[in-house]
Amino acid sequence: MFQVPPPEGLAAVALRACGLAVLAVWGLRLLALPIDGEALLGSFLHSVHLPFHEAGHFVFRPFGAFLHILGGTLGQLLVPVIVIGAFLRQEDPFGAAFGCWWLGTSFVDCAPYISDARARVLMLTTGETGQEGWEGHDWFQLLSRTGTLAHDHLIARCAWALGALLMVAALAWGAWVVWRQWRLLETR
């Protein structure tokens, strides 16, 4: 994880630096969006997270109703974790840093849905709001079953904060890898 492989060349290091800059700007734009609205759910990354969320319901269905409901969120969080693990296994810390950034965006993406648990006004994939199809609103179900529905906004802010922290940590990790590879190029 902390071992930096030798760089493939100056172009690869420069491309990684540019990629980090894009992720930093993209991340700042995501974090500037309000947590309690549809703006985050209208982002491009939400379209990336959504298939993994829906697949998670299917994958976790055999493990009972609670995990079936939680499975959507687990699915969209586990896929970036798997990506991180795959890159670490390949000894590619820059790729793992990207996976960490993706995981952070996934937590940020969960925040509006969690925050909407009591109000249930966000449009669901069914085309209904959570008020029309309450059984389809995962976080209303999860927080109601655990007696924590009154804390939906706090839980959402915690998910958002964890996501923001992961995104910043991923950028710092990626910048460290780029810097180390740049230094390795200088010593050649």
Protein backbone atom coordinates (compact mmCIF):
# COMPACT_ATOMS: atom_id res chain seq x y z
CA MET A 1 0.00 0.00 0.00
CA PHE A 2 2.84 2.40 0.79
CA GLN A 3 5.25 0.93 -1.74
CA VAL A 4 5.27 3.11 -4.85
CA PRO A 5 6.08 1.24 -8.05
CA PRO A 6 8.58 2.84 -10.42
CA PRO A 7 6.89 5.19 -12.88
CA GLU A 8 6.31 4.09 -16.46
CA GLY A 9 7.63 7.46 -17.64
CA LEU A 10 7.04 11.19 -17.46
CA ALA A 11 3.84 11.01 -19.51
CA ALA A 12 2.25 8.52 -17.08
CA VAL A 13 3.14 10.66 -14.06
CA ALA A 14 1.83 13.82 -15.76
CA LEU A 15 -1.37 12.04 -16.77
CA ARG A 16 -1.91 10.91 -13.18
CA ALA A 17 -1.33 14.47 -11.94
CA CYS A 18 -3.92 15.75 -14.43
CA GLY A 19 -6.33 13.01 -13.38
CA LEU A 20 -5.95 14.06 -9.75
CA ALA A 21 -6.71 17.66 -10.68
CA VAL A 22 -9.90 16.54 -12.46
CA LEU A 23 -10.95 14.45 -9.44
CA ALA A 24 -10.25 17.38 -7.10
CA VAL A 25 -12.41 19.79 -9.12
CA TRP A 26 -15.13 17.19 -9.59
CA GLY A 27 -15.08 16.37 -5.89
CA LEU A 28 -15.33 20.03 -4.88
CA ARG A 29 -18.31 20.47 -7.17
CA LEU A 30 -20.02 17.42 -5.63
CA LEU A 31 -19.33 18.61 -2.09
CA ALA A 32 -20.75 22.04 -2.91
CA LEU A 33 -24.17 20.55 -3.72
CA PRO A 34 -26.83 20.58 -0.99
CA ILE A 35 -27.15 17.36 0.97
CA ASP A 36 -30.94 17.43 1.18
CA GLY A 37 -31.99 17.75 -2.41
CA GLU A 38 -32.00 16.11 -5.77
CA ALA A 39 -28.90 17.90 -7.08
CA LEU A 40 -26.53 15.19 -5.84
CA LEU A 41 -28.87 12.50 -7.12
CA GLY A 42 -28.83 14.15 -10.54
CA SER A 43 -25.05 14.01 -10.83
CA PHE A 44 -23.28 11.77 -13.34
CA LEU A 45 -21.77 9.72 -10.52
CA HIS A 46 -25.23 8.89 -9.20
CA SER A 47 -25.83 7.15 -12.53
CA VAL A 48 -22.65 5.15 -11.88
CA HIS A 49 -23.64 4.24 -8.30
CA LEU A 50 -27.28 3.36 -9.05
CA PRO A 51 -26.74 0.03 -10.90
CA PHE A 52 -24.52 -1.23 -8.08
CA HIS A 53 -27.12 -0.06 -5.55
CA GLU A 54 -29.91 -1.93 -7.31
CA ALA A 55 -27.73 -5.02 -7.85
CA GLY A 56 -26.94 -5.00 -4.12
CA HIS A 57 -30.62 -5.56 -3.33
CA PHE A 58 -30.56 -8.67 -5.51
CA VAL A 59 -27.26 -9.99 -4.10
CA PHE A 60 -28.28 -9.56 -0.45
CA ARG A 61 -31.89 -10.78 -0.88
CA PRO A 62 -31.12 -14.33 0.35
CA PHE A 63 -29.89 -12.96 3.71
CA GLY A 64 -33.26 -11.75 5.00
CA ALA A 65 -35.41 -8.65 4.69
CA PHE A 66 -33.14 -6.24 6.58
CA LEU A 67 -30.02 -7.10 4.56
CA HIS A 68 -32.09 -7.12 1.36
CA ILE A 69 -33.06 -3.49 2.06
CA LEU A 70 -29.57 -2.50 3.24
CA GLY A 71 -28.08 -4.40 0.31
CA GLY A 72 -28.61 -1.49 -2.06
CA THR A 73 -26.37 0.78 -0.07
CA LEU A 74 -23.96 -2.07 0.66
CA GLY A 75 -23.74 -2.82 -3.06
CA GLN A 76 -22.79 0.70 -4.01
CA LEU A 77 -20.22 0.86 -1.21
CA LEU A 78 -18.73 -2.60 -1.68
CA VAL A 79 -17.91 -2.23 -5.38
CA PRO A 80 -15.40 0.61 -4.78
CA VAL A 81 -13.96 -1.36 -1.83
CA ILE A 82 -13.43 -4.31 -4.19
CA VAL A 83 -11.76 -1.95 -6.68
CA ILE A 84 -9.44 -0.67 -3.92
CA GLY A 85 -8.55 -4.24 -2.97
CA ALA A 86 -7.92 -5.25 -6.59
CA PHE A 87 -5.57 -2.32 -7.17
CA LEU A 88 -3.73 -2.97 -3.91
CA ARG A 89 -3.33 -6.60 -4.87
CA GLN A 90 -1.80 -5.45 -8.17
CA GLU A 91 0.48 -3.13 -6.19
CA ASP A 92 -1.05 -0.05 -7.83
CA PRO A 93 -1.53 2.50 -5.05
CA PHE A 94 -2.63 5.22 -7.47
CA GLY A 95 -5.47 3.02 -8.72
CA ALA A 96 -6.36 2.22 -5.10
CA ALA A 97 -6.45 5.95 -4.33
CA PHE A 98 -8.91 6.38 -7.20
CA GLY A 99 -11.03 3.58 -5.71
CA CYS A 100 -10.93 5.36 -2.36
CA TRP A 101 -12.14 8.58 -4.04
CA TRP A 102 -14.95 6.60 -5.66
CA LEU A 103 -15.89 5.13 -2.27
CA GLY A 104 -16.04 8.66 -0.87
CA THR A 105 -18.36 9.78 -3.65
CA SER A 106 -20.55 6.78 -2.94
CA PHE A 107 -20.96 7.80 0.71
CA VAL A 108 -21.75 11.36 -0.41
CA ASP A 109 -24.28 9.91 -2.89
CA CYS A 110 -26.06 8.04 -0.07
CA ALA A 111 -26.52 11.18 2.03
CA PRO A 112 -29.56 12.72 0.24
CA TYR A 113 -31.41 9.39 0.32
CA ILE A 114 -30.70 8.94 4.03
CA SER A 115 -31.66 12.56 4.75
CA ASP A 116 -34.99 12.00 2.97
CA ALA A 117 -36.03 9.08 5.21
CA ARG A 118 -38.65 11.00 7.21
CA ALA A 119 -39.87 13.33 4.46
CA ARG A 120 -39.78 10.72 1.66
CA VAL A 121 -40.13 13.33 -1.10
CA LEU A 122 -37.27 12.26 -3.39
CA MET A 123 -38.23 10.44 -6.57
CA LEU A 124 -37.37 6.75 -6.40
CA THR A 125 -36.38 4.53 -9.33
CA THR A 126 -40.00 3.31 -9.38
CA GLY A 127 -41.12 6.77 -10.47
CA GLU A 128 -42.86 7.35 -7.15
CA THR A 129 -41.80 9.28 -4.08
CA GLY A 130 -41.22 7.47 -0.82
CA GLN A 131 -44.63 8.70 0.38
CA GLU A 132 -46.43 6.96 -2.47
CA GLY A 133 -44.38 3.78 -2.26
CA TRP A 134 -43.00 3.88 1.30
CA GLU A 135 -41.92 0.25 1.22
CA GLY A 136 -39.50 1.15 -1.57
CA HIS A 137 -37.64 3.83 0.41
CA ASP A 138 -34.69 1.88 1.80
CA TRP A 139 -33.64 4.36 4.43
CA PHE A 140 -37.17 4.92 5.73
CA GLN A 141 -37.37 1.16 6.19
CA LEU A 142 -33.91 0.79 7.73
CA LEU A 143 -34.18 3.69 10.16
CA SER A 144 -37.77 2.83 11.13
CA ARG A 145 -36.81 -0.76 11.89
CA THR A 146 -33.86 0.33 14.02
CA GLY A 147 -35.74 3.11 15.85
CA THR A 148 -33.41 5.79 14.48
CA LEU A 149 -35.71 7.53 11.99
CA ALA A 150 -35.59 10.79 13.98
CA HIS A 151 -31.81 10.87 13.33
CA ASP A 152 -31.98 10.67 9.54
CA HIS A 153 -30.40 14.11 9.01
CA LEU A 154 -27.56 13.39 11.44
CA ILE A 155 -26.85 10.00 9.86
CA ALA A 156 -26.90 11.62 6.41
CA ARG A 157 -24.45 14.32 7.52
CA CYS A 158 -22.16 11.62 8.95
CA ALA A 159 -22.28 9.68 5.65
CA TRP A 160 -21.54 12.89 3.75
CA ALA A 161 -18.67 13.81 6.10
CA LEU A 162 -17.15 10.33 5.85
CA GLY A 163 -17.42 10.54 2.07
CA ALA A 164 -15.79 13.98 2.01
CA LEU A 165 -12.99 12.73 4.27
CA LEU A 166 -12.39 9.69 2.05
CA MET A 167 -12.30 11.89 -1.06
CA VAL A 168 -9.74 14.24 0.49
CA ALA A 169 -7.66 11.33 1.81
CA ALA A 170 -7.76 9.69 -1.63
CA LEU A 171 -6.55 12.86 -3.30
CA ALA A 172 -3.74 13.21 -0.76
CA TRP A 173 -2.80 9.55 -1.26
CA GLY A 174 -2.83 9.93 -5.03
CA ALA A 175 -0.78 13.15 -4.82
CA TRP A 176 1.76 11.37 -2.62
CA VAL A 177 2.07 8.56 -5.19
CA VAL A 178 2.52 11.07 -8.03
CA TRP A 179 5.10 13.02 -6.02
CA ARG A 180 7.04 9.85 -5.16
CA GLN A 181 6.99 8.74 -8.79
CA TRP A 182 8.13 12.19 -9.90
CA ARG A 183 11.03 11.97 -7.44
CA LEU A 184 11.91 8.50 -8.78
CA LEU A 185 12.04 9.93 -12.30
CA GLU A 186 14.44 12.65 -11.14
CA THR A 187 16.87 10.08 -9.72
CA ARG A 188 17.11 8.11 -12.98
